[in-house]
Amino acid sequence: MKTFITIICSLLIASACFSQPIPQDSLYLAKPRPGNTPVLFQLPINGTSRPIERVWTSNDGKEFYYSQLNGYPPTIAKVFCYKYLENRWQGPFEIADGYFAPSLSPNDSVLFVQLPVNYTTARAYYMRRTASGWTAPSKLFSFTPQSHYTQLTSLGNYYTSTNFQTGMYRDIGRIVISGNDTTPVSLGPPVNSNIEESDFYIARNESFLLFIRHTETAASDFYISYKKSNGGWTNPKALGPNINLPSPSWEYGPYITSDNKYLFFTRGGNAWTSYNTYWVKIDNVIDSLMHTNFVPYVKYPIGNKTDSVGRPFNYTIPDTTFIDDDGNNTLTYTAKLANGNPLPGWLTFNPSTRNFSGTPSATETDTIRVKATDNAGDSAVCTFILSVLNNTGIIRTGSTVPDNYNLGQNYPNPFNPVTCIDFAVPVSGFVTLRIYDMLGREIGTLINEKLSPGTYKAVFNAEMLSSGIYIYTMRSGAFNSTRKMILIK
């Protein structure tokens, strides 16, 4: 761990370079510059090994790193480097055997590489620059999760993709350092979704993030997200059909040159021999996408709701449910049933306040679809289930004023499907008693009204819910108490 902290400190110290600058027309192995359409960047092919996954260049442009793999998962993986020496490119020189996907630290003093790619052993390693070359690779992080495409920014932050979610899919995260601990923390939505976000490139100043999304049954495409002033990231935008070809074409392994002019990436289809490194002019794409409309998205889904016959229902959609990176004041809201029919007659929706209200007169279950649309006509949709039950209500069990607030354990517990919850209110005031699932999503409101002092019993009917552990929380004034209950069907 001490070695890791030392690396962080040393990488933030810029190294001076007094050598003669490389001529502009000799940069990138003196290849002709591409335009807005990707072209092949010719690199050596050794046997069945393809020059793919990621390239990287030094700050002065005099070193060009790339890797070769012979398949997925590979049995051969190597990192090579071309060097501009004596006014010409020389090489390639083998830098690391058994590794791939090179990237350099901001001052070029450390080379990051990775063990062969799969979903269990992908690990970041580092090599220090010496007078004669590079040290042998050493493991960078001590944590258990994999570390894929690890990069260090000029702000001193490490980013990596790893398997935060259950299963094999990776998401992108930042490494949080606390004392001797290093922990990957997911960037969360909207960058990460319910499919894989894996290979990525983050700008040195963290102004933008370019990454791929893919599933095992579909091709991968590039998306770009921009850093927001609050530290979050904008809703990603696809780079478009000029770069993202339709399936079965995979685009991945991104690297953007330090001047943000060119994107290097890997592209291939069903045949292994189709995989090669390509490059394309990207600066105009980065700038134009930053200034086009951002599509709204759902950040915090609406949890399912429960009400009872004859009890007023009142729910306001939080302004954090839908996010528009152009500004939430651009959004207008509509609500209807998921099948396209209007809301039931007893339920009204006020678009300006985002509020549902009404009093149901019979049991029913409705799936409600809420749509938020921005000024450009782009929209996001969220659905939730509203269940109106028969046997849910509150009963006053005593008029004696209790000394303190109290929330009792439900009984019976476990239960199926009806249970009772005793509680006490010592002073007149507004009381809420809500039900949540284990993910913290609200699924029902038993009480949401002003009560006089006394003891009460709330009856909860969970006939519309599935078996599991649920949480109920009572709040009144400064009082806040939570307990668990178990539904077994």
Protein backbone atom coordinates (compact mmCIF):
# COMPACT_ATOMS: atom_id res chain seq x y z
CA MET A 1 0.00 0.00 0.00
CA LYS A 2 2.88 2.37 0.77
CA THR A 3 4.16 1.73 -2.76
CA PHE A 4 0.76 2.68 -4.22
CA ILE A 5 0.63 5.97 -2.31
CA THR A 6 4.18 6.73 -3.43
CA ILE A 7 3.13 6.17 -7.03
CA ILE A 8 0.28 8.64 -6.69
CA CYS A 9 2.56 11.34 -5.32
CA SER A 10 5.31 10.81 -7.88
CA LEU A 11 2.93 10.76 -10.83
CA LEU A 12 1.72 14.26 -10.09
CA ILE A 13 5.22 15.72 -10.49
CA ALA A 14 5.76 16.82 -14.06
CA SER A 15 8.98 15.79 -15.73
CA ALA A 16 10.88 18.23 -17.88
CA CYS A 17 11.76 17.33 -21.44
CA PHE A 18 14.54 19.16 -23.27
CA SER A 19 14.80 17.01 -26.41
CA GLN A 20 14.06 18.30 -29.88
CA PRO A 21 10.30 18.20 -30.65
CA ILE A 22 9.14 15.63 -33.18
CA PRO A 23 8.05 17.11 -36.53
CA GLN A 24 4.27 17.33 -36.80
CA ASP A 25 4.15 15.19 -39.93
CA SER A 26 6.09 12.45 -38.12
CA LEU A 27 3.59 12.06 -35.29
CA TYR A 28 1.62 8.79 -35.04
CA LEU A 29 4.24 6.78 -36.95
CA ALA A 30 4.08 9.38 -39.76
CA LYS A 31 0.72 8.01 -40.97
CA PRO A 32 -1.50 10.25 -43.14
CA ARG A 33 -4.07 11.95 -40.89
CA PRO A 34 -7.65 10.63 -41.06
CA GLY A 35 -10.78 12.72 -41.59
CA ASN A 36 -14.23 12.21 -40.09
CA THR A 37 -14.48 8.62 -41.34
CA PRO A 38 -12.46 5.95 -39.48
CA VAL A 39 -9.54 4.42 -41.40
CA LEU A 40 -7.27 1.48 -40.67
CA PHE A 41 -4.14 2.29 -38.65
CA GLN A 42 -1.69 -0.30 -39.97
CA LEU A 43 0.28 -2.12 -37.27
CA PRO A 44 2.27 -5.38 -37.45
CA ILE A 45 0.40 -8.69 -37.39
CA ASN A 46 2.33 -11.61 -35.88
CA GLY A 47 0.83 -14.99 -36.76
CA THR A 48 -2.70 -15.10 -35.35
CA SER A 49 -2.12 -12.13 -33.01
CA ARG A 50 -4.00 -8.95 -33.87
CA PRO A 51 -2.81 -5.38 -32.98
CA ILE A 52 -5.90 -4.44 -30.95
CA GLU A 53 -7.41 -3.30 -27.62
CA ARG A 54 -5.69 0.04 -26.98
CA VAL A 55 -2.84 2.27 -28.16
CA TRP A 56 -1.24 5.15 -26.27
CA THR A 57 1.28 7.86 -27.09
CA SER A 58 3.74 9.73 -24.91
CA ASN A 59 3.30 13.44 -24.25
CA ASP A 60 6.09 14.37 -26.67
CA GLY A 61 4.72 12.03 -29.35
CA LYS A 62 7.97 10.06 -29.57
CA GLU A 63 6.63 6.80 -28.14
CA PHE A 64 3.74 4.83 -29.58
CA TYR A 65 2.48 1.88 -27.49
CA TYR A 66 0.11 -0.86 -28.61
CA SER A 67 -0.77 -4.44 -27.71
CA GLN A 68 -1.31 -7.73 -29.53
CA LEU A 69 -3.69 -10.56 -28.60
CA ASN A 70 -4.31 -13.89 -30.28
CA GLY A 71 -7.96 -14.28 -29.23
CA TYR A 72 -10.51 -13.91 -26.42
CA PRO A 73 -9.48 -15.04 -23.88
CA PRO A 74 -5.92 -14.79 -25.20
CA THR A 75 -3.12 -17.27 -24.72
CA ILE A 76 -0.66 -14.71 -26.12
CA ALA A 77 -0.66 -11.06 -25.04
CA LYS A 78 2.17 -8.57 -25.55
CA VAL A 79 2.80 -4.84 -25.30
CA PHE A 80 5.05 -3.21 -27.92
CA CYS A 81 6.43 0.26 -28.45
CA TYR A 82 7.70 2.25 -31.44
CA LYS A 83 10.23 4.97 -30.58
CA TYR A 84 11.19 8.06 -32.54
CA LEU A 85 15.01 7.91 -32.39
CA GLU A 86 17.60 9.63 -34.55
CA ASN A 87 14.87 11.41 -36.53
CA ARG A 88 13.01 8.23 -37.51
CA TRP A 89 10.63 5.68 -36.05
CA GLN A 90 12.30 2.50 -34.83
CA GLY A 91 10.80 -0.74 -33.52
CA PRO A 92 8.53 -2.23 -32.51
CA PHE A 93 10.23 -3.14 -29.22
CA GLU A 94 8.59 -5.67 -26.89
CA ILE A 95 7.80 -4.01 -23.54
CA ALA A 96 5.75 -6.59 -21.60
CA ASP A 97 4.97 -10.25 -22.28
CA GLY A 98 1.65 -11.53 -20.92
CA TYR A 99 -0.01 -8.11 -20.69
CA PHE A 100 -2.03 -5.77 -22.92
CA ALA A 101 -3.91 -2.41 -23.10
CA PRO A 102 -1.10 0.06 -22.25
CA SER A 103 -1.72 3.53 -20.84
CA LEU A 104 0.71 6.12 -19.54
CA SER A 105 0.54 8.27 -16.42
CA PRO A 106 0.08 12.04 -16.99
CA ASN A 107 3.86 12.66 -16.89
CA ASP A 108 4.80 9.43 -18.75
CA SER A 109 6.77 8.09 -15.76
CA VAL A 110 4.56 5.01 -15.24
CA LEU A 111 3.12 2.57 -17.77
CA PHE A 112 -0.11 0.80 -16.79
CA VAL A 113 -0.84 -2.58 -18.35
CA GLN A 114 -3.36 -5.33 -17.74
CA LEU A 115 -3.44 -9.07 -17.40
CA PRO A 116 -5.30 -10.93 -20.21
CA VAL A 117 -8.93 -9.95 -20.44
CA ASN A 118 -11.65 -12.10 -18.91
CA TYR A 119 -14.22 -11.58 -16.20
CA THR A 120 -12.28 -12.98 -13.26
CA THR A 121 -8.58 -12.16 -13.67
CA ALA A 122 -8.49 -8.71 -15.31
CA ARG A 123 -6.05 -6.79 -13.11
CA ALA A 124 -4.12 -3.53 -13.45
CA TYR A 125 -0.33 -3.60 -13.19
CA TYR A 126 2.22 -0.80 -13.37
CA MET A 127 5.77 -0.43 -14.68
CA ARG A 128 8.12 2.39 -13.66
CA ARG A 129 10.28 4.14 -16.24
CA THR A 130 14.02 3.71 -15.72
CA ALA A 131 17.10 4.98 -17.54
CA SER A 132 17.20 1.78 -19.58
CA GLY A 133 13.49 1.08 -20.05
CA TRP A 134 10.76 -0.17 -17.71
CA THR A 135 10.64 -2.19 -14.50
CA ALA A 136 8.84 -5.55 -14.40
CA PRO A 137 5.05 -5.25 -13.95
CA SER A 138 3.75 -5.06 -10.36
CA LYS A 139 0.14 -5.34 -9.22
CA LEU A 140 -1.39 -1.88 -8.72
CA PHE A 141 -4.37 -2.48 -6.39
CA SER A 142 -4.88 -4.90 -3.52
CA PHE A 143 -8.69 -5.04 -3.65
CA THR A 144 -10.47 -8.21 -4.83
CA PRO A 145 -12.63 -6.89 -7.71
CA GLN A 146 -11.03 -6.83 -11.13
CA SER A 147 -9.53 -3.59 -12.51
CA HIS A 148 -9.97 -3.13 -16.25
CA TYR A 149 -8.61 -0.28 -18.42
CA THR A 150 -7.29 1.56 -15.33
CA GLN A 151 -6.23 5.18 -15.95
CA LEU A 152 -4.82 8.05 -13.92
CA THR A 153 -5.92 11.64 -14.61
CA SER A 154 -3.95 14.85 -14.18
CA LEU A 155 -6.17 15.56 -11.15
CA GLY A 156 -4.62 12.56 -9.39
CA ASN A 157 -7.70 10.31 -9.63
CA TYR A 158 -7.69 6.68 -10.70
CA TYR A 159 -10.58 5.30 -12.74
CA THR A 160 -11.27 1.69 -13.61
CA SER A 161 -14.07 -0.58 -14.77
CA THR A 162 -14.99 -3.52 -12.58
CA ASN A 163 -17.82 -5.88 -11.69
CA PHE A 164 -19.78 -3.79 -9.18
CA GLN A 165 -23.02 -5.57 -10.08
CA THR A 166 -23.81 -9.21 -9.38
CA GLY A 167 -22.64 -11.30 -12.30
CA MET A 168 -20.08 -10.70 -15.00
CA TYR A 169 -20.92 -7.22 -16.29
CA ARG A 170 -18.54 -4.35 -15.59
CA ASP A 171 -19.30 -0.73 -14.73
CA ILE A 172 -17.01 2.30 -14.59
CA GLY A 173 -15.89 3.72 -11.26
CA ARG A 174 -13.35 5.88 -9.48
CA ILE A 175 -10.84 4.57 -6.95
CA VAL A 176 -11.44 6.12 -3.53
CA ILE A 177 -8.38 6.25 -1.29
CA SER A 178 -8.90 6.33 2.48
CA GLY A 179 -5.83 5.72 4.61
CA ASN A 180 -4.38 2.43 3.46
CA ASP A 181 -7.55 1.35 1.66
CA THR A 182 -8.30 1.66 -2.04
CA THR A 183 -11.90 0.98 -3.03
CA PRO A 184 -13.59 1.21 -6.45
CA VAL A 185 -16.82 3.23 -6.28
CA SER A 186 -19.26 3.11 -9.20
CA LEU A 187 -20.01 6.33 -11.10
CA GLY A 188 -23.64 5.18 -11.05
CA PRO A 189 -26.33 6.26 -13.50
CA PRO A 190 -26.53 7.66 -16.08
CA VAL A 191 -23.02 6.49 -17.07
CA ASN A 192 -23.61 2.97 -15.77
CA SER A 193 -26.75 1.14 -16.82
CA ASN A 194 -28.14 -2.39 -16.60
CA ILE A 195 -25.79 -3.55 -19.35
CA GLU A 196 -22.00 -3.51 -19.45
CA GLU A 197 -19.92 -0.34 -19.52
CA SER A 198 -16.37 -1.60 -19.93
CA ASP A 199 -13.51 -0.16 -22.02
CA PHE A 200 -13.21 3.59 -21.54
CA TYR A 201 -11.03 6.65 -21.93
CA ILE A 202 -11.26 9.57 -19.51
CA ALA A 203 -9.87 12.97 -20.49
CA ARG A 204 -6.79 13.95 -18.53
CA ASN A 205 -8.69 16.89 -17.00
CA GLU A 206 -11.80 14.69 -16.50
CA SER A 207 -13.90 16.94 -18.74
CA PHE A 208 -15.38 13.99 -20.63
CA LEU A 209 -15.60 10.21 -20.53
CA LEU A 210 -15.71 8.01 -23.64
CA PHE A 211 -16.79 4.41 -23.10
CA ILE A 212 -18.46 1.39 -24.65
CA ARG A 213 -21.75 -0.30 -23.87
CA HIS A 214 -22.41 -3.88 -24.91
CA THR A 215 -24.03 -7.17 -24.00
CA GLU A 216 -22.86 -10.67 -24.74
CA THR A 217 -25.38 -11.00 -27.58
CA ALA A 218 -24.95 -7.56 -29.18
CA ALA A 219 -22.14 -5.45 -30.56
CA SER A 220 -20.45 -2.70 -28.54
CA ASP A 221 -20.75 1.00 -29.36
CA PHE A 222 -19.12 4.21 -28.13
CA TYR A 223 -20.86 6.75 -25.90
CA ILE A 224 -19.62 10.05 -24.49
CA SER A 225 -20.53 11.75 -21.21
CA TYR A 226 -19.42 15.17 -19.97
CA LYS A 227 -18.44 16.18 -16.45
CA LYS A 228 -21.02 18.42 -14.75
CA SER A 229 -20.25 21.28 -12.38
CA ASN A 230 -21.67 19.25 -9.47
CA GLY A 231 -19.21 16.41 -10.13
CA GLY A 232 -21.76 14.17 -11.83
CA TRP A 233 -21.91 13.11 -15.46
CA THR A 234 -24.33 13.96 -18.25
CA ASN A 235 -26.65 11.45 -19.89
CA PRO A 236 -24.37 9.67 -22.42
CA LYS A 237 -24.72 10.24 -26.17
CA ALA A 238 -23.81 7.72 -28.85
CA LEU A 239 -21.03 8.80 -31.20
CA GLY A 240 -23.26 8.05 -34.17
CA PRO A 241 -23.31 5.67 -37.17
CA ASN A 242 -20.10 7.02 -38.69
CA ILE A 243 -18.14 5.40 -35.84
CA ASN A 244 -20.65 2.96 -34.32
CA LEU A 245 -21.35 0.48 -37.10
CA PRO A 246 -24.36 -1.85 -36.74
CA SER A 247 -24.01 -5.36 -35.35
CA PRO A 248 -22.01 -7.53 -35.77
CA SER A 249 -19.37 -4.79 -35.56
CA TRP A 250 -17.70 -4.25 -32.19
CA GLU A 251 -16.06 -0.88 -31.48
CA TYR A 252 -14.00 -0.78 -28.28
CA GLY A 253 -10.54 -0.09 -26.80
CA PRO A 254 -10.62 3.76 -27.02
CA TYR A 255 -7.71 6.18 -26.75
CA ILE A 256 -7.98 9.89 -27.56
CA THR A 257 -4.79 11.83 -28.21
CA SER A 258 -3.82 14.47 -25.65
CA ASP A 259 -4.90 17.30 -27.98
CA ASN A 260 -8.37 15.63 -28.31
CA LYS A 261 -7.94 15.51 -32.11
CA TYR A 262 -7.93 11.78 -32.87
CA LEU A 263 -9.66 8.70 -31.55
CA PHE A 264 -7.89 5.34 -31.81
CA PHE A 265 -10.03 2.26 -31.29
CA THR A 266 -10.45 -1.42 -32.13
CA ARG A 267 -13.08 -2.60 -34.60
CA GLY A 268 -14.01 -6.13 -35.63
CA GLY A 269 -16.85 -8.45 -36.55
CA ASN A 270 -17.50 -12.18 -36.41
CA ALA A 271 -14.15 -13.17 -37.94
CA TRP A 272 -11.02 -12.85 -35.80
CA THR A 273 -9.06 -11.65 -38.83
CA SER A 274 -11.38 -8.62 -39.10
CA TYR A 275 -10.07 -7.08 -35.85
CA ASN A 276 -7.74 -4.12 -36.30
CA THR A 277 -6.90 -0.71 -34.89
CA TYR A 278 -8.62 2.29 -36.54
CA TRP A 279 -8.40 6.03 -36.04
CA VAL A 280 -10.62 9.00 -36.85
CA LYS A 281 -10.73 12.77 -36.35
CA ILE A 282 -12.80 13.27 -33.18
CA ASP A 283 -12.41 16.89 -31.96
CA ASN A 284 -15.43 18.14 -33.90
CA VAL A 285 -17.56 15.28 -32.53
CA ILE A 286 -16.55 15.96 -28.92
CA ASP A 287 -17.45 19.63 -29.28
CA SER A 288 -20.68 19.23 -31.26
CA LEU A 289 -22.19 16.54 -29.02
CA MET A 290 -21.51 18.69 -25.96
CA HIS A 291 -23.75 21.41 -27.42
CA THR A 292 -26.65 19.30 -28.68
CA ASN A 293 -29.76 18.42 -26.69
CA PHE A 294 -29.40 16.00 -23.79
CA VAL A 295 -32.14 13.39 -23.54
CA PRO A 296 -33.86 13.26 -20.11
CA TYR A 297 -33.41 10.10 -18.07
CA VAL A 298 -34.78 8.42 -14.95
CA LYS A 299 -32.32 8.71 -12.06
CA TYR A 300 -34.48 7.51 -9.15
CA PRO A 301 -37.38 5.26 -10.26
CA ILE A 302 -40.76 5.74 -8.61
CA GLY A 303 -41.44 2.94 -6.14
CA ASN A 304 -44.72 1.02 -6.13
CA LYS A 305 -47.50 2.56 -4.04
CA THR A 306 -50.23 1.08 -1.84
CA ASP A 307 -53.46 2.74 -0.73
CA SER A 308 -56.72 1.55 0.81
CA VAL A 309 -60.36 1.95 -0.17
CA GLY A 310 -61.79 5.25 1.10
CA ARG A 311 -58.42 6.69 2.12
CA PRO A 312 -57.18 9.78 0.22
CA PHE A 313 -54.16 9.10 -1.98
CA ASN A 314 -51.61 11.87 -2.42
CA TYR A 315 -48.19 11.53 -4.07
CA THR A 316 -45.87 14.09 -5.65
CA ILE A 317 -43.13 12.94 -8.03
CA PRO A 318 -39.80 14.24 -6.64
CA ASP A 319 -37.92 16.58 -8.97
CA THR A 320 -34.95 14.19 -8.70
CA THR A 321 -36.83 11.32 -10.38
CA PHE A 322 -36.23 12.66 -13.89
CA ILE A 323 -33.06 14.52 -14.80
CA ASP A 324 -32.55 16.72 -17.85
CA ASP A 325 -28.95 17.87 -18.21
CA ASP A 326 -30.23 20.90 -20.11
CA GLY A 327 -32.12 21.88 -16.93
CA ASN A 328 -35.13 20.28 -15.24
CA ASN A 329 -37.18 23.42 -15.94
CA THR A 330 -37.43 22.19 -19.53
CA LEU A 331 -39.52 19.16 -18.56
CA THR A 332 -43.27 18.76 -18.91
CA TYR A 333 -45.10 15.77 -17.41
CA THR A 334 -47.95 13.50 -18.44
CA ALA A 335 -49.40 10.41 -16.76
CA LYS A 336 -51.64 7.62 -18.00
CA LEU A 337 -51.98 3.88 -17.54
CA ALA A 338 -49.23 1.72 -19.02
CA ASN A 339 -51.66 0.31 -21.60
CA GLY A 340 -52.31 3.81 -22.92
CA ASN A 341 -55.69 4.31 -21.26
CA PRO A 342 -56.46 7.37 -19.11
CA LEU A 343 -55.97 7.25 -15.34
CA PRO A 344 -58.89 5.80 -13.36
CA GLY A 345 -61.69 8.32 -12.78
CA TRP A 346 -60.94 8.78 -9.08
CA LEU A 347 -57.25 9.69 -9.69
CA THR A 348 -56.12 13.05 -11.02
CA PHE A 349 -52.64 14.20 -12.04
CA ASN A 350 -51.48 17.84 -11.98
CA PRO A 351 -48.62 18.23 -14.51
CA SER A 352 -47.43 21.55 -13.09
CA THR A 353 -47.03 20.21 -9.55
CA ARG A 354 -46.31 16.56 -10.54
CA ASN A 355 -48.97 15.54 -7.98
CA PHE A 356 -51.35 12.56 -7.97
CA SER A 357 -54.45 12.83 -5.76
CA GLY A 358 -57.82 11.20 -5.27
CA THR A 359 -59.79 8.79 -3.10
CA PRO A 360 -60.37 5.23 -4.40
CA SER A 361 -63.77 3.61 -3.83
CA ALA A 362 -62.86 0.02 -4.74
CA THR A 363 -59.89 -2.33 -4.80
CA GLU A 364 -57.82 -2.23 -7.97
CA THR A 365 -54.27 -2.50 -9.26
CA ASP A 366 -53.01 -0.01 -11.84
CA THR A 367 -49.68 0.30 -13.62
CA ILE A 368 -49.11 4.01 -14.13
CA ARG A 369 -46.79 5.42 -16.78
CA VAL A 370 -45.21 8.83 -16.17
CA LYS A 371 -43.53 10.60 -19.08
CA ALA A 372 -41.21 13.61 -18.82
CA THR A 373 -40.61 15.48 -22.09
CA ASP A 374 -38.06 18.24 -22.74
CA ASN A 375 -38.29 21.25 -25.04
CA ALA A 376 -36.73 19.31 -27.92
CA GLY A 377 -39.38 16.60 -27.73
CA ASP A 378 -37.11 13.96 -26.21
CA SER A 379 -38.54 12.08 -23.25
CA ALA A 380 -38.00 9.56 -20.49
CA VAL A 381 -40.57 7.18 -19.02
CA CYS A 382 -41.01 5.63 -15.59
CA THR A 383 -43.76 3.22 -14.46
CA PHE A 384 -45.01 2.23 -11.01
CA ILE A 385 -47.78 0.04 -9.63
CA LEU A 386 -50.55 1.56 -7.51
CA SER A 387 -52.39 -1.07 -5.47
CA VAL A 388 -55.68 -0.18 -3.74
CA LEU A 389 -56.35 -2.72 -0.96
CA ASN A 390 -59.38 -3.52 1.19
CA ASN A 391 -58.13 -4.33 4.65
CA THR A 392 -55.63 -1.57 5.27
CA GLY A 393 -56.45 1.13 7.78
CA ILE A 394 -55.79 2.53 11.25
CA ILE A 395 -57.74 1.93 14.44
CA ARG A 396 -57.49 4.01 17.61
CA THR A 397 -56.92 1.54 20.45
CA GLY A 398 -56.70 3.91 23.44
CA SER A 399 -57.35 7.52 24.42
CA THR A 400 -54.75 7.64 27.23
CA VAL A 401 -51.96 9.98 26.25
CA PRO A 402 -48.68 8.01 26.07
CA ASP A 403 -45.47 9.46 27.45
CA ASN A 404 -43.42 8.88 24.30
CA TYR A 405 -43.63 8.02 20.64
CA ASN A 406 -43.41 4.31 19.99
CA LEU A 407 -43.44 2.05 16.95
CA GLY A 408 -44.14 -1.59 17.77
CA GLN A 409 -43.06 -4.76 16.00
CA ASN A 410 -45.70 -5.94 13.55
CA TYR A 411 -47.73 -9.04 14.41
CA PRO A 412 -47.99 -11.69 13.31
CA ASN A 413 -44.47 -11.75 11.92
CA PRO A 414 -43.85 -13.50 9.56
CA PHE A 415 -47.32 -12.84 8.08
CA ASN A 416 -49.49 -13.69 5.07
CA PRO A 417 -50.95 -11.39 3.86
CA VAL A 418 -52.31 -9.19 6.70
CA THR A 419 -50.34 -7.88 9.67
CA CYS A 420 -50.89 -5.26 12.39
CA ILE A 421 -48.58 -2.50 13.62
CA ASP A 422 -49.13 -0.79 17.00
CA PHE A 423 -47.82 2.74 17.51
CA ALA A 424 -48.16 5.57 20.02
CA VAL A 425 -48.43 9.34 19.50
CA PRO A 426 -47.83 11.55 22.61
CA VAL A 427 -48.67 14.92 21.00
CA SER A 428 -50.95 16.06 18.24
CA GLY A 429 -49.10 16.22 14.96
CA PHE A 430 -48.61 14.97 11.43
CA VAL A 431 -47.70 11.27 11.27
CA THR A 432 -46.49 9.14 8.38
CA LEU A 433 -46.13 5.35 8.34
CA ARG A 434 -44.65 4.03 5.11
CA ILE A 435 -43.61 0.64 3.75
CA TYR A 436 -40.37 0.13 1.78
CA ASP A 437 -38.67 -2.79 0.07
CA MET A 438 -35.07 -3.74 0.84
CA LEU A 439 -33.81 -1.46 -1.95
CA GLY A 440 -35.36 1.52 -0.19
CA ARG A 441 -38.19 1.97 -2.68
CA GLU A 442 -41.47 3.13 -1.16
CA ILE A 443 -44.24 0.62 -1.88
CA GLY A 444 -47.04 1.87 0.34
CA THR A 445 -48.29 4.58 2.72
CA LEU A 446 -50.38 3.45 5.70
CA ILE A 447 -50.62 6.85 7.39
CA ASN A 448 -50.08 10.34 6.04
CA GLU A 449 -52.22 12.63 8.21
CA LYS A 450 -52.50 14.60 11.43
CA LEU A 451 -53.34 12.43 14.48
CA SER A 452 -54.34 13.39 18.01
CA PRO A 453 -52.49 11.92 21.03
CA GLY A 454 -53.22 8.24 21.70
CA THR A 455 -52.37 4.66 20.79
CA TYR A 456 -53.21 3.21 17.41
CA LYS A 457 -53.11 0.04 15.33
CA ALA A 458 -52.40 0.07 11.59
CA VAL A 459 -53.57 -2.88 9.49
CA PHE A 460 -51.49 -3.72 6.44
CA ASN A 461 -52.64 -6.04 3.66
CA ALA A 462 -49.77 -7.22 1.46
CA GLU A 463 -51.80 -9.42 -0.88
CA MET A 464 -50.33 -7.66 -3.93
CA LEU A 465 -46.71 -8.07 -2.80
CA SER A 466 -44.28 -10.95 -3.21
CA SER A 467 -42.58 -12.80 -0.36
CA GLY A 468 -39.60 -11.06 1.19
CA ILE A 469 -38.34 -8.70 3.88
CA TYR A 470 -39.91 -5.25 4.03
CA ILE A 471 -39.22 -2.16 6.12
CA TYR A 472 -41.77 0.14 7.77
CA THR A 473 -40.88 3.61 9.02
CA MET A 474 -42.84 5.98 11.27
CA ARG A 475 -42.07 9.71 11.32
CA SER A 476 -43.60 12.53 13.33
CA GLY A 477 -41.74 15.70 14.16
CA ALA A 478 -38.24 14.70 15.26
CA PHE A 479 -39.33 11.09 15.86
CA ASN A 480 -38.11 8.53 13.31
CA SER A 481 -38.27 4.77 13.88
CA THR A 482 -37.83 1.81 11.52
CA ARG A 483 -38.52 -1.93 11.83
CA LYS A 484 -38.45 -4.97 9.57
CA MET A 485 -41.26 -7.40 8.74
CA ILE A 486 -41.29 -10.67 6.81
CA LEU A 487 -43.94 -11.63 4.26
CA ILE A 488 -44.11 -15.37 3.50
CA LYS A 489 -46.58 -16.67 0.94
